[in-house]
Amino acid sequence: EGSGDVAVDSSRSGNNGTIARAASGGLGSNGSVWFTDPVHGTVASFNGNDSAGCVIKTNLIIPAIGLTTDFTWTFWAYQDPAQATNNDTILGNRYGGTATPLQFCKFTPTRFEFYNDDGGYTQGINYNSIPGGEWIYHTLVKDGTSLTYYRNGEVRGTNTVTKTMAPNPFFMGGDAQPAEIWQGRLSDVRLYTKA
């Protein structure tokens, strides 16, 4: 990593990501997605522009999620101070997945959305807006029907899952179209099929 349009899956599972619009759309030199960060070294960056931004589309399919299915998502994120507190996708999906009934899960600047045809977003976790200008370690754990969100190791929200979810694609920094592009940097994204 650091050049080109592939974000390598270091787990050797083959779930590499491809950078859409690799020539521009990041916060790195000349709009590159690759950014040299003084804390985390080479990281992926996103400029937050839905019409001229980039996203990372992975080969990973988030497995079907049942009421007894466990998972953990962890990642480091540096949210740009200019990022709005809106519905932009940091990780996960919103478009390009299961449409009928609509199902998706994703991190945004203000909540983790776990959605299956419930208009009130009742299964996700709302949290205080992610502050800009600092690296923060995020962890989301699903253990049975229990969802728990940790920020820098401290619990910041919980909820109970009452619906299942079909398999869905996984994106970083935005969504399939690309759309809902977030402004910031990502490092060390890890997804586990256990709590």
N, C-alpha and C. Protein backbone atom coordinates (compact mmCIF):
# COMPACT_ATOMS: atom_id res chain seq x y z
N GLU A 1 0.84 -1.19 0.00
CA GLU A 1 0.00 0.00 0.00
C GLU A 1 0.88 1.24 0.00
N GLY A 2 0.27 2.36 -0.35
CA GLY A 2 1.01 3.59 -0.46
C GLY A 2 1.04 4.10 -1.88
N SER A 3 0.69 3.23 -2.83
CA SER A 3 0.56 3.61 -4.24
C SER A 3 -0.37 2.60 -4.90
N GLY A 4 -0.87 2.96 -6.06
CA GLY A 4 -1.76 2.06 -6.78
C GLY A 4 -3.17 2.10 -6.26
N ASP A 5 -3.98 1.16 -6.73
CA ASP A 5 -5.41 1.20 -6.42
C ASP A 5 -5.90 -0.02 -5.65
N VAL A 6 -4.98 -0.74 -4.96
CA VAL A 6 -5.37 -1.90 -4.18
C VAL A 6 -5.06 -1.66 -2.71
N ALA A 7 -6.05 -1.91 -1.86
CA ALA A 7 -5.86 -1.94 -0.40
C ALA A 7 -5.78 -3.41 -0.02
N VAL A 8 -4.61 -3.84 0.40
CA VAL A 8 -4.34 -5.26 0.59
C VAL A 8 -4.95 -5.77 1.90
N ASP A 9 -5.57 -6.93 1.82
CA ASP A 9 -6.08 -7.61 3.00
C ASP A 9 -4.91 -8.34 3.65
N SER A 10 -4.42 -7.84 4.77
CA SER A 10 -3.23 -8.42 5.40
C SER A 10 -3.53 -9.74 6.11
N SER A 11 -4.81 -10.13 6.19
CA SER A 11 -5.14 -11.41 6.81
C SER A 11 -4.92 -12.58 5.86
N ARG A 12 -4.62 -12.30 4.62
CA ARG A 12 -4.42 -13.30 3.57
C ARG A 12 -5.71 -14.05 3.23
N SER A 13 -6.86 -13.47 3.59
CA SER A 13 -8.14 -14.10 3.21
C SER A 13 -8.55 -13.72 1.80
N GLY A 14 -7.81 -12.82 1.18
CA GLY A 14 -8.12 -12.45 -0.20
C GLY A 14 -9.20 -11.41 -0.35
N ASN A 15 -9.57 -10.75 0.73
CA ASN A 15 -10.62 -9.73 0.66
C ASN A 15 -10.03 -8.35 0.40
N ASN A 16 -9.18 -8.25 -0.63
CA ASN A 16 -8.56 -6.98 -0.97
C ASN A 16 -9.62 -5.97 -1.38
N GLY A 17 -9.26 -4.71 -1.23
CA GLY A 17 -10.13 -3.63 -1.66
C GLY A 17 -9.58 -2.97 -2.91
N THR A 18 -10.48 -2.43 -3.72
CA THR A 18 -10.09 -1.66 -4.90
C THR A 18 -10.54 -0.23 -4.70
N ILE A 19 -9.63 0.68 -4.95
CA ILE A 19 -9.95 2.10 -4.77
C ILE A 19 -10.67 2.60 -6.00
N ALA A 20 -11.89 3.08 -5.82
CA ALA A 20 -12.63 3.68 -6.92
C ALA A 20 -12.15 5.12 -7.08
N ARG A 21 -11.89 5.52 -8.32
CA ARG A 21 -11.38 6.86 -8.62
C ARG A 21 -10.02 7.07 -7.95
N ALA A 22 -9.11 6.14 -8.13
CA ALA A 22 -7.83 6.18 -7.42
C ALA A 22 -6.99 7.40 -7.75
N ALA A 23 -7.18 7.99 -8.91
CA ALA A 23 -6.35 9.13 -9.28
C ALA A 23 -6.67 10.37 -8.46
N SER A 24 -7.85 10.41 -7.90
CA SER A 24 -8.23 11.57 -7.09
C SER A 24 -9.27 11.13 -6.08
N GLY A 25 -9.57 12.01 -5.16
CA GLY A 25 -10.63 11.72 -4.23
C GLY A 25 -10.19 11.45 -2.81
N GLY A 26 -8.87 11.49 -2.56
CA GLY A 26 -8.38 11.33 -1.20
C GLY A 26 -7.78 12.62 -0.69
N LEU A 27 -7.20 12.56 0.49
CA LEU A 27 -6.59 13.73 1.11
C LEU A 27 -5.07 13.73 0.96
N GLY A 28 -4.53 12.71 0.28
CA GLY A 28 -3.10 12.62 0.09
C GLY A 28 -2.60 13.53 -1.02
N SER A 29 -1.31 13.46 -1.32
CA SER A 29 -0.68 14.28 -2.34
C SER A 29 -1.39 14.10 -3.68
N ASN A 30 -1.73 15.22 -4.32
CA ASN A 30 -2.43 15.23 -5.61
C ASN A 30 -3.76 14.47 -5.57
N GLY A 31 -4.39 14.43 -4.41
CA GLY A 31 -5.68 13.78 -4.27
C GLY A 31 -5.62 12.29 -4.08
N SER A 32 -4.43 11.73 -3.86
CA SER A 32 -4.30 10.29 -3.68
C SER A 32 -5.03 9.82 -2.43
N VAL A 33 -5.57 8.60 -2.49
CA VAL A 33 -6.19 8.02 -1.31
C VAL A 33 -5.13 7.73 -0.25
N TRP A 34 -3.87 7.48 -0.69
CA TRP A 34 -2.80 7.17 0.26
C TRP A 34 -2.28 8.44 0.90
N PHE A 35 -2.22 8.43 2.22
CA PHE A 35 -1.83 9.60 2.99
C PHE A 35 -0.78 9.17 4.01
N THR A 36 0.30 9.94 4.12
CA THR A 36 1.33 9.64 5.10
C THR A 36 1.00 10.39 6.38
N ASP A 37 0.58 9.65 7.38
CA ASP A 37 0.15 10.22 8.65
C ASP A 37 1.29 10.14 9.65
N PRO A 38 1.52 11.20 10.44
CA PRO A 38 2.64 11.16 11.39
C PRO A 38 2.47 10.14 12.51
N VAL A 39 1.26 9.68 12.77
CA VAL A 39 1.01 8.72 13.86
C VAL A 39 0.93 7.30 13.33
N HIS A 40 0.16 7.07 12.26
CA HIS A 40 -0.12 5.72 11.78
C HIS A 40 0.61 5.35 10.48
N GLY A 41 1.45 6.23 9.98
CA GLY A 41 2.16 5.91 8.73
C GLY A 41 1.23 6.01 7.54
N THR A 42 1.34 5.06 6.62
CA THR A 42 0.50 5.08 5.42
C THR A 42 -0.91 4.64 5.77
N VAL A 43 -1.87 5.51 5.48
CA VAL A 43 -3.27 5.23 5.78
C VAL A 43 -4.11 5.55 4.54
N ALA A 44 -5.37 5.11 4.56
CA ALA A 44 -6.31 5.47 3.49
C ALA A 44 -7.03 6.75 3.89
N SER A 45 -7.20 7.65 2.92
CA SER A 45 -7.87 8.92 3.21
C SER A 45 -8.98 9.17 2.20
N PHE A 46 -9.96 9.95 2.63
CA PHE A 46 -11.14 10.21 1.82
C PHE A 46 -11.49 11.69 1.93
N ASN A 47 -11.86 12.32 0.80
CA ASN A 47 -12.04 13.77 0.81
C ASN A 47 -13.46 14.24 1.10
N GLY A 48 -14.41 13.31 1.22
CA GLY A 48 -15.77 13.69 1.58
C GLY A 48 -16.61 14.25 0.46
N ASN A 49 -16.14 14.19 -0.78
CA ASN A 49 -16.84 14.77 -1.91
C ASN A 49 -17.59 13.68 -2.67
N ASP A 50 -18.92 13.71 -2.62
CA ASP A 50 -19.71 12.65 -3.25
C ASP A 50 -19.55 12.61 -4.77
N SER A 51 -19.23 13.74 -5.40
CA SER A 51 -19.11 13.73 -6.85
C SER A 51 -17.68 13.53 -7.32
N ALA A 52 -16.68 13.75 -6.45
CA ALA A 52 -15.29 13.61 -6.87
C ALA A 52 -14.44 12.91 -5.83
N GLY A 53 -15.05 12.15 -4.95
CA GLY A 53 -14.31 11.45 -3.92
C GLY A 53 -14.09 10.00 -4.28
N CYS A 54 -13.28 9.32 -3.48
CA CYS A 54 -13.03 7.91 -3.71
C CYS A 54 -13.58 7.09 -2.55
N VAL A 55 -13.76 5.82 -2.80
CA VAL A 55 -14.13 4.85 -1.77
C VAL A 55 -13.29 3.60 -2.01
N ILE A 56 -13.22 2.73 -1.01
CA ILE A 56 -12.57 1.43 -1.19
C ILE A 56 -13.66 0.37 -1.21
N LYS A 57 -13.75 -0.32 -2.35
CA LYS A 57 -14.72 -1.41 -2.52
C LYS A 57 -13.97 -2.71 -2.27
N THR A 58 -14.40 -3.49 -1.29
CA THR A 58 -13.69 -4.72 -0.96
C THR A 58 -14.34 -5.93 -1.61
N ASN A 59 -13.60 -7.03 -1.62
CA ASN A 59 -14.15 -8.31 -2.06
C ASN A 59 -14.97 -8.97 -0.96
N LEU A 60 -14.93 -8.39 0.22
CA LEU A 60 -15.58 -8.97 1.39
C LEU A 60 -17.09 -8.84 1.31
N ILE A 61 -17.77 -9.91 1.61
CA ILE A 61 -19.21 -9.87 1.80
C ILE A 61 -19.47 -10.09 3.28
N ILE A 62 -20.16 -9.15 3.91
CA ILE A 62 -20.53 -9.32 5.31
C ILE A 62 -21.49 -10.50 5.36
N PRO A 63 -21.17 -11.55 6.11
CA PRO A 63 -22.04 -12.74 6.14
C PRO A 63 -23.44 -12.40 6.67
N ALA A 64 -24.38 -13.28 6.36
CA ALA A 64 -25.72 -13.15 6.93
C ALA A 64 -25.61 -13.06 8.45
N ILE A 65 -26.39 -12.18 9.04
CA ILE A 65 -26.33 -11.95 10.48
C ILE A 65 -27.63 -12.42 11.11
N GLY A 66 -27.54 -13.42 11.96
CA GLY A 66 -28.70 -13.93 12.66
C GLY A 66 -28.73 -13.45 14.10
N LEU A 67 -29.73 -13.85 14.83
CA LEU A 67 -29.85 -13.42 16.22
C LEU A 67 -28.82 -14.09 17.12
N THR A 68 -28.20 -15.16 16.65
CA THR A 68 -27.14 -15.81 17.45
C THR A 68 -25.77 -15.64 16.81
N THR A 69 -25.69 -14.87 15.74
CA THR A 69 -24.43 -14.66 15.03
C THR A 69 -23.62 -13.56 15.71
N ASP A 70 -22.32 -13.80 15.91
CA ASP A 70 -21.45 -12.82 16.54
C ASP A 70 -20.52 -12.17 15.52
N PHE A 71 -20.11 -10.93 15.79
CA PHE A 71 -19.06 -10.30 14.99
C PHE A 71 -18.43 -9.17 15.78
N THR A 72 -17.26 -8.75 15.32
CA THR A 72 -16.56 -7.59 15.88
C THR A 72 -15.96 -6.80 14.74
N TRP A 73 -16.15 -5.48 14.75
CA TRP A 73 -15.49 -4.58 13.82
C TRP A 73 -14.60 -3.65 14.64
N THR A 74 -13.34 -3.50 14.26
CA THR A 74 -12.45 -2.55 14.92
C THR A 74 -11.72 -1.73 13.86
N PHE A 75 -11.41 -0.49 14.19
CA PHE A 75 -10.66 0.36 13.26
C PHE A 75 -10.21 1.64 13.96
N TRP A 76 -9.15 2.20 13.44
CA TRP A 76 -8.70 3.53 13.83
C TRP A 76 -9.25 4.53 12.81
N ALA A 77 -9.75 5.66 13.27
CA ALA A 77 -10.25 6.70 12.37
C ALA A 77 -9.85 8.09 12.86
N TYR A 78 -9.46 8.90 11.91
CA TYR A 78 -9.17 10.31 12.15
C TYR A 78 -10.18 11.08 11.32
N GLN A 79 -11.19 11.63 11.97
CA GLN A 79 -12.21 12.36 11.24
C GLN A 79 -11.74 13.79 11.01
N ASP A 80 -11.79 14.22 9.75
CA ASP A 80 -11.38 15.58 9.43
C ASP A 80 -12.29 16.57 10.14
N PRO A 81 -11.72 17.64 10.71
CA PRO A 81 -12.58 18.63 11.40
C PRO A 81 -13.67 19.22 10.51
N ALA A 82 -13.47 19.18 9.18
CA ALA A 82 -14.48 19.73 8.26
C ALA A 82 -15.62 18.76 7.98
N GLN A 83 -15.52 17.50 8.43
CA GLN A 83 -16.58 16.52 8.19
C GLN A 83 -17.85 16.91 8.94
N ALA A 84 -18.96 16.92 8.23
CA ALA A 84 -20.25 17.25 8.84
C ALA A 84 -20.73 16.08 9.70
N THR A 85 -21.56 16.38 10.69
CA THR A 85 -22.18 15.33 11.50
C THR A 85 -23.42 14.86 10.76
N ASN A 86 -23.20 14.04 9.75
CA ASN A 86 -24.30 13.59 8.90
C ASN A 86 -24.25 12.07 8.75
N ASN A 87 -24.82 11.58 7.67
CA ASN A 87 -25.00 10.15 7.48
C ASN A 87 -23.92 9.51 6.60
N ASP A 88 -22.78 10.16 6.40
CA ASP A 88 -21.73 9.60 5.55
C ASP A 88 -21.25 8.26 6.10
N THR A 89 -20.80 7.40 5.19
CA THR A 89 -20.39 6.05 5.55
C THR A 89 -18.90 6.00 5.83
N ILE A 90 -18.52 5.69 7.07
CA ILE A 90 -17.12 5.47 7.41
C ILE A 90 -16.74 4.04 7.00
N LEU A 91 -17.53 3.08 7.44
CA LEU A 91 -17.37 1.66 7.09
C LEU A 91 -18.74 1.04 6.92
N GLY A 92 -18.84 0.03 6.06
CA GLY A 92 -20.09 -0.72 5.95
C GLY A 92 -20.72 -0.58 4.59
N ASN A 93 -22.04 -0.46 4.57
CA ASN A 93 -22.75 -0.33 3.31
C ASN A 93 -24.11 0.31 3.54
N ARG A 94 -24.63 0.88 2.47
CA ARG A 94 -25.98 1.41 2.45
C ARG A 94 -26.65 1.09 1.12
N TYR A 95 -25.90 1.24 0.03
CA TYR A 95 -26.39 0.96 -1.31
C TYR A 95 -25.68 -0.27 -1.86
N GLY A 96 -26.26 -0.91 -2.80
CA GLY A 96 -25.59 -2.01 -3.47
C GLY A 96 -25.76 -3.35 -2.78
N GLY A 97 -26.51 -3.37 -1.69
CA GLY A 97 -26.74 -4.61 -0.97
C GLY A 97 -28.18 -5.07 -1.12
N THR A 98 -28.73 -5.60 -0.05
CA THR A 98 -30.09 -6.12 -0.07
C THR A 98 -31.09 -4.97 -0.06
N ALA A 99 -31.91 -4.91 -1.11
CA ALA A 99 -32.81 -3.76 -1.27
C ALA A 99 -34.24 -4.05 -0.85
N THR A 100 -34.68 -5.32 -0.87
CA THR A 100 -36.07 -5.64 -0.56
C THR A 100 -36.15 -6.82 0.37
N PRO A 101 -36.48 -6.62 1.65
CA PRO A 101 -36.57 -5.31 2.28
C PRO A 101 -35.18 -4.72 2.48
N LEU A 102 -35.09 -3.40 2.53
CA LEU A 102 -33.81 -2.72 2.64
C LEU A 102 -33.08 -3.14 3.91
N GLN A 103 -31.81 -3.57 3.74
CA GLN A 103 -30.99 -4.02 4.87
C GLN A 103 -29.57 -3.50 4.70
N PHE A 104 -28.97 -2.98 5.77
CA PHE A 104 -27.58 -2.54 5.72
C PHE A 104 -27.06 -2.31 7.13
N CYS A 105 -25.73 -2.25 7.25
CA CYS A 105 -25.11 -1.85 8.51
C CYS A 105 -23.89 -1.00 8.19
N LYS A 106 -23.69 0.06 8.98
CA LYS A 106 -22.58 0.97 8.70
C LYS A 106 -22.30 1.87 9.90
N PHE A 107 -21.05 2.35 9.96
CA PHE A 107 -20.66 3.41 10.89
C PHE A 107 -20.83 4.75 10.20
N THR A 108 -21.36 5.73 10.91
CA THR A 108 -21.42 7.11 10.45
C THR A 108 -20.82 8.00 11.54
N PRO A 109 -20.69 9.30 11.30
CA PRO A 109 -20.17 10.18 12.34
C PRO A 109 -21.03 10.25 13.61
N THR A 110 -22.28 9.80 13.55
CA THR A 110 -23.15 9.94 14.72
C THR A 110 -23.80 8.65 15.20
N ARG A 111 -23.67 7.54 14.44
CA ARG A 111 -24.30 6.30 14.90
C ARG A 111 -23.82 5.10 14.10
N PHE A 112 -24.00 3.92 14.71
CA PHE A 112 -23.84 2.66 13.99
C PHE A 112 -25.24 2.23 13.60
N GLU A 113 -25.47 2.06 12.30
CA GLU A 113 -26.79 1.70 11.82
C GLU A 113 -26.85 0.20 11.51
N PHE A 114 -27.80 -0.47 12.14
CA PHE A 114 -28.08 -1.88 11.88
C PHE A 114 -29.54 -1.90 11.47
N TYR A 115 -29.78 -1.93 10.16
CA TYR A 115 -31.11 -1.61 9.63
C TYR A 115 -31.69 -2.78 8.84
N ASN A 116 -32.91 -3.15 9.19
CA ASN A 116 -33.67 -4.12 8.42
C ASN A 116 -35.12 -3.67 8.39
N ASP A 117 -35.42 -2.80 7.42
CA ASP A 117 -36.79 -2.37 7.17
C ASP A 117 -37.45 -1.77 8.41
N ASP A 118 -36.65 -1.11 9.29
CA ASP A 118 -37.23 -0.45 10.47
C ASP A 118 -36.97 1.04 10.38
N GLY A 119 -37.95 1.78 9.90
CA GLY A 119 -37.82 3.19 9.60
C GLY A 119 -37.28 4.06 10.71
N GLY A 120 -37.37 3.62 11.95
CA GLY A 120 -36.89 4.43 13.05
C GLY A 120 -35.44 4.16 13.44
N TYR A 121 -34.75 3.32 12.66
CA TYR A 121 -33.36 2.96 12.97
C TYR A 121 -33.24 2.50 14.43
N THR A 122 -34.16 1.65 14.85
CA THR A 122 -34.25 1.29 16.26
C THR A 122 -33.21 0.28 16.71
N GLN A 123 -32.56 -0.43 15.78
CA GLN A 123 -31.62 -1.48 16.18
C GLN A 123 -30.18 -1.00 16.28
N GLY A 124 -29.88 0.18 15.77
CA GLY A 124 -28.52 0.68 15.79
C GLY A 124 -28.16 1.30 17.13
N ILE A 125 -27.03 1.98 17.16
CA ILE A 125 -26.56 2.66 18.36
C ILE A 125 -26.25 4.11 18.02
N ASN A 126 -26.96 5.03 18.65
CA ASN A 126 -26.63 6.45 18.54
C ASN A 126 -25.52 6.75 19.54
N TYR A 127 -24.57 7.60 19.15
CA TYR A 127 -23.50 7.98 20.06
C TYR A 127 -23.16 9.45 19.85
N ASN A 128 -22.43 10.04 20.80
CA ASN A 128 -21.98 11.41 20.63
C ASN A 128 -21.17 11.49 19.35
N SER A 129 -21.33 12.58 18.61
CA SER A 129 -20.63 12.74 17.34
C SER A 129 -19.14 12.50 17.51
N ILE A 130 -18.55 11.83 16.54
CA ILE A 130 -17.11 11.57 16.58
C ILE A 130 -16.38 12.91 16.45
N PRO A 131 -15.50 13.22 17.40
CA PRO A 131 -14.78 14.49 17.30
C PRO A 131 -13.77 14.47 16.16
N GLY A 132 -13.54 15.63 15.58
CA GLY A 132 -12.57 15.74 14.50
C GLY A 132 -11.19 16.09 15.03
N GLY A 133 -10.18 15.77 14.21
CA GLY A 133 -8.83 16.21 14.51
C GLY A 133 -8.03 15.33 15.44
N GLU A 134 -8.49 14.08 15.69
CA GLU A 134 -7.72 13.17 16.54
C GLU A 134 -8.00 11.73 16.13
N TRP A 135 -7.00 10.87 16.33
CA TRP A 135 -7.18 9.45 16.06
C TRP A 135 -7.97 8.80 17.19
N ILE A 136 -8.99 8.03 16.82
CA ILE A 136 -9.85 7.36 17.80
C ILE A 136 -9.98 5.90 17.39
N TYR A 137 -9.95 5.02 18.40
CA TYR A 137 -10.09 3.58 18.16
C TYR A 137 -11.55 3.19 18.41
N HIS A 138 -12.18 2.62 17.39
CA HIS A 138 -13.60 2.25 17.45
C HIS A 138 -13.72 0.73 17.42
N THR A 139 -14.64 0.22 18.23
CA THR A 139 -14.94 -1.21 18.24
C THR A 139 -16.45 -1.40 18.37
N LEU A 140 -17.01 -2.26 17.54
CA LEU A 140 -18.42 -2.62 17.61
C LEU A 140 -18.48 -4.13 17.78
N VAL A 141 -19.13 -4.61 18.82
CA VAL A 141 -19.23 -6.04 19.08
C VAL A 141 -20.70 -6.46 19.09
N LYS A 142 -21.01 -7.49 18.30
CA LYS A 142 -22.32 -8.14 18.38
C LYS A 142 -22.11 -9.50 19.02
N ASP A 143 -22.71 -9.70 20.18
CA ASP A 143 -22.61 -10.95 20.93
C ASP A 143 -24.03 -11.46 21.14
N GLY A 144 -24.45 -12.39 20.28
CA GLY A 144 -25.86 -12.81 20.30
C GLY A 144 -26.73 -11.65 19.83
N THR A 145 -27.68 -11.24 20.64
CA THR A 145 -28.55 -10.12 20.27
C THR A 145 -28.05 -8.79 20.84
N SER A 146 -26.92 -8.82 21.52
CA SER A 146 -26.40 -7.61 22.16
C SER A 146 -25.39 -6.90 21.27
N LEU A 147 -25.60 -5.59 21.03
CA LEU A 147 -24.64 -4.74 20.32
C LEU A 147 -23.99 -3.81 21.33
N THR A 148 -22.66 -3.66 21.28
CA THR A 148 -21.95 -2.74 22.15
C THR A 148 -20.93 -1.97 21.34
N TYR A 149 -20.92 -0.65 21.50
CA TYR A 149 -19.96 0.22 20.82
C TYR A 149 -18.97 0.76 21.84
N TYR A 150 -17.68 0.62 21.53
CA TYR A 150 -16.59 1.13 22.37
C TYR A 150 -15.84 2.21 21.62
N ARG A 151 -15.51 3.28 22.30
CA ARG A 151 -14.66 4.34 21.75
C ARG A 151 -13.44 4.46 22.64
N ASN A 152 -12.28 4.19 22.09
CA ASN A 152 -11.03 4.16 22.86
C ASN A 152 -11.17 3.27 24.09
N GLY A 153 -11.84 2.13 23.90
CA GLY A 153 -11.95 1.12 24.95
C GLY A 153 -13.05 1.34 25.96
N GLU A 154 -13.80 2.44 25.85
CA GLU A 154 -14.89 2.72 26.79
C GLU A 154 -16.24 2.51 26.12
N VAL A 155 -17.16 1.88 26.82
CA VAL A 155 -18.51 1.67 26.27
C VAL A 155 -19.18 3.03 26.05
N ARG A 156 -19.67 3.24 24.82
CA ARG A 156 -20.35 4.49 24.49
C ARG A 156 -21.78 4.27 24.02
N GLY A 157 -22.22 3.00 23.98
CA GLY A 157 -23.59 2.74 23.60
C GLY A 157 -23.86 1.26 23.46
N THR A 158 -25.12 0.87 23.74
CA THR A 158 -25.55 -0.52 23.60
C THR A 158 -26.94 -0.56 23.00
N ASN A 159 -27.29 -1.72 22.47
CA ASN A 159 -28.64 -1.93 21.97
C ASN A 159 -28.86 -3.42 21.79
N THR A 160 -30.10 -3.80 21.51
CA THR A 160 -30.47 -5.19 21.29
C THR A 160 -30.96 -5.36 19.87
N VAL A 161 -30.42 -6.36 19.17
CA VAL A 161 -30.82 -6.67 17.80
C VAL A 161 -32.06 -7.56 17.85
N THR A 162 -33.08 -7.20 17.08
CA THR A 162 -34.31 -8.00 17.05
C THR A 162 -34.60 -8.54 15.66
N LYS A 163 -33.79 -8.18 14.66
CA LYS A 163 -33.99 -8.65 13.29
C LYS A 163 -32.69 -9.20 12.74
N THR A 164 -32.80 -10.05 11.73
CA THR A 164 -31.64 -10.61 11.05
C THR A 164 -31.25 -9.72 9.88
N MET A 165 -30.14 -10.07 9.23
CA MET A 165 -29.69 -9.31 8.07
C MET A 165 -29.09 -10.25 7.03
N ALA A 166 -29.42 -10.00 5.78
CA ALA A 166 -28.88 -10.79 4.67
C ALA A 166 -27.41 -10.41 4.43
N PRO A 167 -26.66 -11.23 3.69
CA PRO A 167 -25.29 -10.84 3.33
C PRO A 167 -25.27 -9.52 2.57
N ASN A 168 -24.26 -8.70 2.84
CA ASN A 168 -24.14 -7.40 2.21
C ASN A 168 -22.68 -7.09 1.91
N PRO A 169 -22.42 -6.22 0.94
CA PRO A 169 -21.04 -5.85 0.62
C PRO A 169 -20.44 -4.94 1.70
N PHE A 170 -19.13 -4.78 1.65
CA PHE A 170 -18.43 -3.96 2.63
C PHE A 170 -17.56 -2.92 1.93
N PHE A 171 -17.74 -1.67 2.33
CA PHE A 171 -17.00 -0.54 1.75
C PHE A 171 -16.30 0.23 2.85
N MET A 172 -15.27 0.97 2.47
CA MET A 172 -14.57 1.85 3.41
C MET A 172 -14.54 3.26 2.84
N GLY A 173 -14.88 4.24 3.67
CA GLY A 173 -14.80 5.64 3.29
C GLY A 173 -15.97 6.17 2.52
N GLY A 174 -16.94 5.34 2.22
CA GLY A 174 -18.09 5.78 1.46
C GLY A 174 -18.94 4.58 1.10
N ASP A 175 -19.70 4.71 0.02
CA ASP A 175 -20.60 3.64 -0.35
C ASP A 175 -20.49 3.30 -1.82
N ALA A 176 -21.35 2.40 -2.28
CA ALA A 176 -21.18 1.72 -3.56
C ALA A 176 -21.13 2.65 -4.77
N GLN A 177 -21.83 3.73 -4.77
CA GLN A 177 -22.06 4.46 -6.03
C GLN A 177 -20.89 5.24 -6.62
N PRO A 178 -19.90 5.80 -6.07
CA PRO A 178 -19.72 6.12 -4.66
C PRO A 178 -20.69 7.21 -4.19
N ALA A 179 -21.03 7.14 -2.95
CA ALA A 179 -21.93 8.11 -2.34
C ALA A 179 -21.67 8.12 -0.85
N GLU A 180 -22.26 9.08 -0.17
CA GLU A 180 -22.10 9.21 1.29
C GLU A 180 -20.63 9.15 1.69
N ILE A 181 -19.77 9.84 0.93
CA ILE A 181 -18.33 9.76 1.16
C ILE A 181 -17.94 10.58 2.38
N TRP A 182 -17.20 9.93 3.25
CA TRP A 182 -16.75 10.51 4.52
C TRP A 182 -15.45 11.26 4.30
N GLN A 183 -15.15 12.22 5.18
CA GLN A 183 -13.91 12.98 5.09
C GLN A 183 -13.03 12.64 6.28
N GLY A 184 -11.94 11.93 6.01
CA GLY A 184 -11.04 11.55 7.09
C GLY A 184 -10.08 10.46 6.67
N ARG A 185 -9.44 9.81 7.65
CA ARG A 185 -8.42 8.79 7.41
C ARG A 185 -8.77 7.52 8.18
N LEU A 186 -8.44 6.38 7.60
CA LEU A 186 -8.67 5.07 8.22
C LEU A 186 -7.38 4.28 8.30
N SER A 187 -7.25 3.49 9.39
CA SER A 187 -6.11 2.61 9.53
C SER A 187 -6.53 1.36 10.29
N ASP A 188 -5.90 0.23 9.95
CA ASP A 188 -6.07 -1.03 10.68
C ASP A 188 -7.53 -1.44 10.85
N VAL A 189 -8.25 -1.50 9.75
CA VAL A 189 -9.64 -1.97 9.78
C VAL A 189 -9.63 -3.49 9.90
N ARG A 190 -10.35 -4.03 10.89
CA ARG A 190 -10.40 -5.47 11.10
C ARG A 190 -11.84 -5.90 11.35
N LEU A 191 -12.25 -6.97 10.68
CA LEU A 191 -13.57 -7.55 10.88
C LEU A 191 -13.40 -9.01 11.30
N TYR A 192 -14.10 -9.38 12.36
CA TYR A 192 -14.04 -10.74 12.89
C TYR A 192 -15.43 -11.36 12.90
N THR A 193 -15.51 -12.67 12.73
CA THR A 193 -16.79 -13.37 12.79
C THR A 193 -17.00 -13.97 14.17
N LYS A 194 -16.56 -13.27 15.19
CA LYS A 194 -16.76 -13.68 16.58
C LYS A 194 -16.80 -12.44 17.45
N ALA A 195 -17.36 -12.59 18.63
CA ALA A 195 -17.41 -11.47 19.56
C ALA A 195 -16.05 -11.32 20.24
